[in-house]
Protein backbone atom coordinates (compact mmCIF):
# COMPACT_ATOMS: atom_id res chain seq x y z
CA MET A 1 78.62 97.18 85.37
CA LYS A 2 78.99 94.02 87.45
CA ILE A 3 79.70 94.46 91.17
CA GLY A 4 82.63 92.31 92.25
CA ALA A 5 84.64 91.43 95.34
CA SER A 6 87.93 89.76 96.08
CA THR A 7 87.90 86.65 98.24
CA ILE A 8 90.91 88.08 100.08
CA LEU A 9 88.62 89.29 102.87
CA HIS A 10 88.19 85.60 103.75
CA ARG A 11 91.81 84.65 103.06
CA ASP A 12 91.91 82.38 106.13
CA ARG A 13 89.24 80.07 104.64
CA PRO A 14 89.57 77.62 101.73
CA LEU A 15 88.03 78.41 98.38
CA ASN A 16 84.89 76.31 97.90
CA TRP A 17 81.16 76.38 97.13
CA THR A 18 80.27 77.36 100.71
CA LEU A 19 82.48 80.43 100.62
CA PHE A 20 81.24 81.43 97.17
CA LYS A 21 77.65 81.11 98.39
CA GLU A 22 78.28 83.80 101.00
CA PHE A 23 79.42 86.18 98.27
CA GLN A 24 76.40 85.36 96.15
CA GLU A 25 74.02 85.94 99.07
CA ALA A 26 75.67 89.32 99.64
CA GLY A 27 74.70 90.34 96.10
CA ILE A 28 78.17 89.97 94.60
CA GLU A 29 78.05 89.18 90.88
CA SER A 30 81.74 88.72 90.06
CA LEU A 31 84.70 87.31 91.98
CA GLU A 32 88.41 87.84 92.17
CA LEU A 33 90.09 84.80 93.71
CA THR A 34 93.48 84.98 95.40
CA ASP A 35 96.21 82.43 96.06
CA TYR A 36 96.43 83.34 99.76
CA HIS A 37 93.79 80.78 100.77
CA PRO A 38 94.68 77.63 102.77
CA ASP A 39 95.83 74.65 100.70
CA PHE A 40 95.92 76.69 97.48
CA SER A 41 98.18 75.07 94.89
CA PHE A 42 98.60 75.95 91.24
CA THR A 43 99.25 72.28 90.46
CA ASP A 44 95.97 71.03 91.98
CA LEU A 45 94.21 71.00 88.62
CA GLU A 46 91.18 69.02 89.75
CA ASN A 47 90.44 71.68 92.35
CA PHE A 48 90.32 74.44 89.73
CA THR A 49 87.76 72.49 87.75
CA ALA A 50 85.72 72.01 90.93
CA LEU A 51 85.91 75.74 91.70
CA ARG A 52 84.72 76.60 88.19
CA LEU A 53 81.75 74.27 88.57
CA ALA A 54 80.93 75.79 91.97
CA MET A 55 80.88 79.30 90.53
CA GLU A 56 78.79 78.17 87.58
CA ASP A 57 76.32 76.52 89.95
CA LEU A 58 75.93 79.82 91.80
CA SER A 59 75.84 81.89 88.57
CA LEU A 60 78.91 83.82 89.70
CA HIS A 61 81.14 85.48 87.12
CA LEU A 62 84.89 84.98 87.55
CA ASN A 63 86.74 88.17 86.75
CA SER A 64 90.24 87.50 87.96
CA LEU A 65 92.77 85.61 90.04
CA HIS A 66 95.24 87.71 92.03
CA ILE A 67 98.54 85.82 92.01
CA HIS A 68 101.44 86.32 94.43
CA LEU A 69 103.90 83.75 93.10
CA GLU A 70 106.74 85.19 95.17
CA ILE A 71 105.16 83.67 98.32
CA PHE A 72 105.76 80.19 96.87
CA ASP A 73 109.36 80.60 95.67
CA ASP A 74 111.83 83.22 94.52
CA TYR A 75 110.12 83.84 91.18
CA ASP A 76 110.98 87.03 89.30
CA LEU A 77 110.05 88.03 85.76
CA ALA A 78 112.79 90.68 85.85
CA THR A 79 115.58 88.28 86.78
CA LEU A 80 118.82 88.21 84.83
CA ASP A 81 119.64 84.69 86.05
CA ALA A 82 118.82 81.97 83.51
CA ALA A 83 117.85 79.28 86.03
CA GLN A 84 115.62 81.64 87.98
CA ARG A 85 114.03 82.84 84.75
CA ASP A 86 113.24 79.29 83.63
CA LYS A 87 111.54 78.31 86.88
CA THR A 88 109.66 81.62 86.90
CA LEU A 89 108.28 81.04 83.42
CA ILE A 90 107.15 77.55 84.43
CA ALA A 91 105.36 78.97 87.48
CA TYR A 92 103.58 81.66 85.46
CA ARG A 93 102.50 79.12 82.85
CA GLU A 94 101.08 76.97 85.65
CA ALA A 95 99.08 80.00 86.80
CA VAL A 96 97.81 80.44 83.25
CA ASP A 97 96.80 76.77 83.13
CA ALA A 98 94.91 77.20 86.40
CA MET A 99 93.07 80.24 85.07
CA GLU A 100 92.16 78.37 81.91
CA LEU A 101 90.60 75.58 83.99
CA LEU A 102 88.69 78.22 85.93
CA GLY A 103 87.16 79.35 82.65
CA GLY A 104 89.58 82.06 81.60
CA GLY A 105 89.95 85.62 82.82
CA ILE A 106 92.54 87.99 84.23
CA LEU A 107 95.67 87.15 86.21
CA VAL A 108 96.49 90.15 88.41
CA THR A 109 100.04 90.75 89.64
CA HIS A 110 102.01 93.54 91.28
CA HIS A 111 105.14 91.38 91.38
CA ILE A 112 107.22 93.70 89.20
CA ARG A 113 110.82 93.88 90.42
CA ILE A 114 112.08 96.60 88.10
CA PRO A 115 114.53 98.95 89.87
CA GLU A 116 114.07 102.71 89.76
CA PRO A 117 115.68 104.37 86.70
CA ASP A 118 118.60 105.69 88.76
CA GLU A 119 119.33 102.30 90.34
CA PRO A 120 121.77 99.65 89.02
CA LEU A 121 120.58 97.29 86.26
CA HIS A 122 117.34 99.23 85.67
CA ALA A 123 117.46 98.96 81.88
CA GLU A 124 118.53 95.31 81.89
CA LYS A 125 115.86 94.21 84.36
CA ARG A 126 113.14 96.23 82.64
CA THR A 127 114.01 94.56 79.33
CA ALA A 128 114.06 91.13 80.97
CA PHE A 129 110.66 91.77 82.56
CA LEU A 130 109.15 92.75 79.22
CA ASP A 131 110.66 89.78 77.39
CA ASN A 132 109.49 87.28 80.00
CA LEU A 133 106.02 88.78 80.40
CA ARG A 134 105.64 88.80 76.62
CA SER A 135 106.50 85.09 76.60
CA VAL A 136 103.87 84.14 79.18
CA ALA A 137 101.32 86.48 77.57
CA GLU A 138 101.79 84.67 74.26
CA TYR A 139 101.26 81.37 76.09
CA ALA A 140 98.13 82.78 77.76
CA ALA A 141 96.42 84.32 74.73
CA PRO A 142 95.00 81.15 73.11
CA ARG A 143 93.83 80.03 76.56
CA GLU A 144 91.67 83.17 76.95
CA VAL A 145 93.79 84.43 79.82
CA SER A 146 94.98 88.01 80.25
CA PHE A 147 97.39 89.73 82.63
CA ALA A 148 96.80 92.94 84.59
CA LEU A 149 99.78 94.80 86.06
CA GLU A 150 98.97 96.58 89.31
CA ASN A 151 100.25 99.87 90.69
CA VAL A 152 101.86 99.77 94.12
CA PRO A 153 102.13 102.54 96.75
CA ARG A 154 105.84 103.10 96.16
CA GLY A 155 108.56 101.85 93.86
CA TYR A 156 108.83 101.60 90.09
CA THR A 157 105.12 101.00 89.42
CA GLY A 158 104.02 103.57 91.98
CA ASP A 159 103.83 106.01 89.07
CA PRO A 160 100.99 105.01 86.69
CA ILE A 161 102.72 106.52 83.66
CA ARG A 162 105.34 103.80 83.95
CA LEU A 163 102.62 101.18 83.55
CA VAL A 164 101.48 102.93 80.37
CA GLU A 165 105.07 102.92 79.12
CA LEU A 166 105.33 99.19 79.86
CA MET A 167 102.14 98.61 77.85
CA ALA A 168 103.56 100.54 74.90
CA ASP A 169 106.84 98.64 74.91
CA LEU A 170 105.19 95.28 75.53
CA GLY A 171 102.71 95.40 72.67
CA ALA A 172 100.68 92.46 73.99
CA PRO A 173 96.90 92.79 73.47
CA ASN A 174 96.13 90.50 76.43
CA VAL A 175 98.06 92.57 78.99
CA GLY A 176 96.49 95.58 80.67
CA VAL A 177 96.49 97.46 83.94
CA VAL A 178 94.63 97.29 87.25
CA ILE A 179 94.47 100.48 89.29
CA ASP A 180 94.38 99.95 93.04
CA THR A 181 92.70 103.06 94.45
CA GLY A 182 94.13 102.54 97.93
CA HIS A 183 97.68 102.11 96.67
CA ARG A 184 97.43 105.24 94.55
CA ASN A 185 95.90 107.26 97.41
CA ILE A 186 99.14 106.69 99.33
CA GLY A 187 101.35 107.77 96.46
CA GLY A 188 99.16 110.23 94.54
CA ASP A 189 95.69 110.82 93.07
CA PRO A 190 93.57 107.77 92.10
CA VAL A 191 91.38 109.85 89.78
CA GLU A 192 94.37 111.18 87.87
CA ALA A 193 95.77 107.64 87.70
CA LEU A 194 92.62 106.35 86.02
CA HIS A 195 92.82 109.08 83.38
CA THR A 196 96.51 108.30 82.85
CA ILE A 197 95.87 104.58 82.33
CA GLY A 198 92.79 105.15 80.16
CA GLU A 199 92.16 102.40 77.63
CA HIS A 200 94.69 100.08 79.28
CA LEU A 201 92.47 99.66 82.37
CA ILE A 202 90.97 96.15 82.43
CA THR A 203 90.08 95.69 86.11
CA LEU A 204 90.07 97.46 89.47
CA HIS A 205 90.96 97.12 93.13
CA LEU A 206 88.57 99.45 94.94
CA HIS A 207 89.20 100.29 98.57
CA ASP A 208 89.81 103.29 100.81
CA ASN A 209 92.43 104.58 103.23
CA HIS A 210 93.64 107.82 104.79
CA GLY A 211 96.64 108.28 102.50
CA GLU A 212 99.21 106.76 104.84
CA ARG A 213 98.60 103.00 105.22
CA ASP A 214 97.15 100.31 102.95
CA GLU A 215 94.01 99.86 105.09
CA HIS A 216 91.66 98.25 102.52
CA LEU A 217 88.62 100.06 103.93
CA LEU A 218 85.11 100.19 102.50
CA PRO A 219 84.83 103.25 100.22
CA GLY A 220 83.69 106.27 102.19
CA ARG A 221 85.72 105.46 105.29
CA GLY A 222 88.89 107.15 104.10
CA THR A 223 89.96 110.01 101.85
CA VAL A 224 89.73 108.57 98.31
CA ASP A 225 87.51 110.69 96.05
CA PHE A 226 85.19 107.91 94.90
CA ALA A 227 82.78 110.27 93.16
CA GLY A 228 85.77 111.34 91.08
CA VAL A 229 86.76 107.70 90.58
CA VAL A 230 83.32 106.81 89.20
CA ASN A 231 83.31 109.88 86.94
CA ALA A 232 86.75 108.95 85.63
CA LEU A 233 85.59 105.40 84.89
CA ASP A 234 82.70 106.84 82.87
CA GLU A 235 84.97 109.25 81.02
CA ILE A 236 87.48 106.58 79.98
CA GLU A 237 84.60 104.18 79.16
CA TYR A 238 85.90 101.46 81.47
CA PRO A 239 84.37 98.15 80.33
CA GLY A 240 85.12 95.95 83.33
CA VAL A 241 83.92 94.93 86.78
CA PHE A 242 83.49 97.31 89.75
CA MET A 243 85.82 95.17 91.84
CA TYR A 244 86.29 95.66 95.59
CA GLU A 245 89.39 94.46 97.46
CA LEU A 246 88.60 94.74 101.18
CA SER A 247 90.24 93.15 104.21
CA ARG A 248 87.42 92.92 106.79
CA PRO A 249 84.97 89.98 106.47
CA GLU A 250 82.24 92.00 108.17
CA ASP A 251 82.25 94.44 105.23
CA LEU A 252 81.06 91.82 102.72
CA PRO A 253 77.31 92.42 103.31
CA GLN A 254 77.80 96.16 102.72
CA ILE A 255 79.61 95.99 99.39
CA ARG A 256 76.56 95.88 97.14
CA SER A 257 74.78 98.85 98.72
CA ASN A 258 78.05 100.78 98.80
CA ALA A 259 78.65 100.09 95.11
CA GLU A 260 75.10 100.99 94.13
CA ALA A 261 75.37 104.29 96.00
CA LEU A 262 78.64 105.12 94.26
CA LEU A 263 77.48 104.10 90.81
CA ASN A 264 74.24 106.04 91.25
CA ARG A 265 76.23 109.08 92.46
CA GLY A 266 74.55 108.73 95.84
CA ALA A 267 77.77 108.71 97.85
C-alpha cells in the first residue's frame, strides 16, 4: 500500500517541483493536491502539465486532487436554478480537464449541499445532485478521472450510510467514497464507517482528533482507533493509498514512520 500525503499542510505555498521534492524526501510515495494553494486556477492548463512533469521527474504517484469549487464561486451540484447549474457543470468539467492533464486520478469533494430529509426541498435537491454528478462523471470517465464523495462531521453526509445510498442511486462506476477519519470521529466511529462503505471506498483522509474539533493531527495524538482502522481496511480489501491529510507542516517528516508503524500493527 502506497503511503500518501495531502499538500494541504503546505497550503500557503505554491504547487511546484520544490514543494513536491520535500514530500519525496520525507518518504511520501503518493500525493493529494488541493486547490487551496496560492495562484491555483483550474483554467491554467499549462501549469497542470508542468505539475505532472514535476511529479514524474520525482517518481511521485498522483492519487487525487481535493477540490473546493465553492471557494471560487457559488457552485452547487444540488442547485435547482438552471443558470447556477450550468455554470456549476462547466466548473466541474474544468476540474476534470485539469485532472486529466495531471495524468488522471480522483477528484475529492465534500461539497454536497443536500438538505436533511426533514428539511424543505430534500428530495428535489438530492435528485438534482445525482443528475448533475452523473453528468460530470460521464464526462470524466473517458478521461480516466473518478470522483470521491467525502463524509463531513455533521449534515447530510455525516452519516456514511447516506453515501452508500447515493452510490446505489447514482450507478456510476467512476464515483466512490473517501472516508475522513477525523470527520467521522466527531460524528461517530471511523472503523464502523469503513465497514459501512466497504467496496465503495477508493481513497482516504487519515488524521486524528479528540472527537470535538477537526484538528487534523498525526495519528496517535487523538482518540481515533487507528489499529481498528487498519484492520477494517484489511477486512474490506481496500485497494488504494494510505493517504494522510494533516495541517501542520512540521508533521511531514513523521508521516512515513507513523504509517509504517500503523501498517505493521506497531502503533
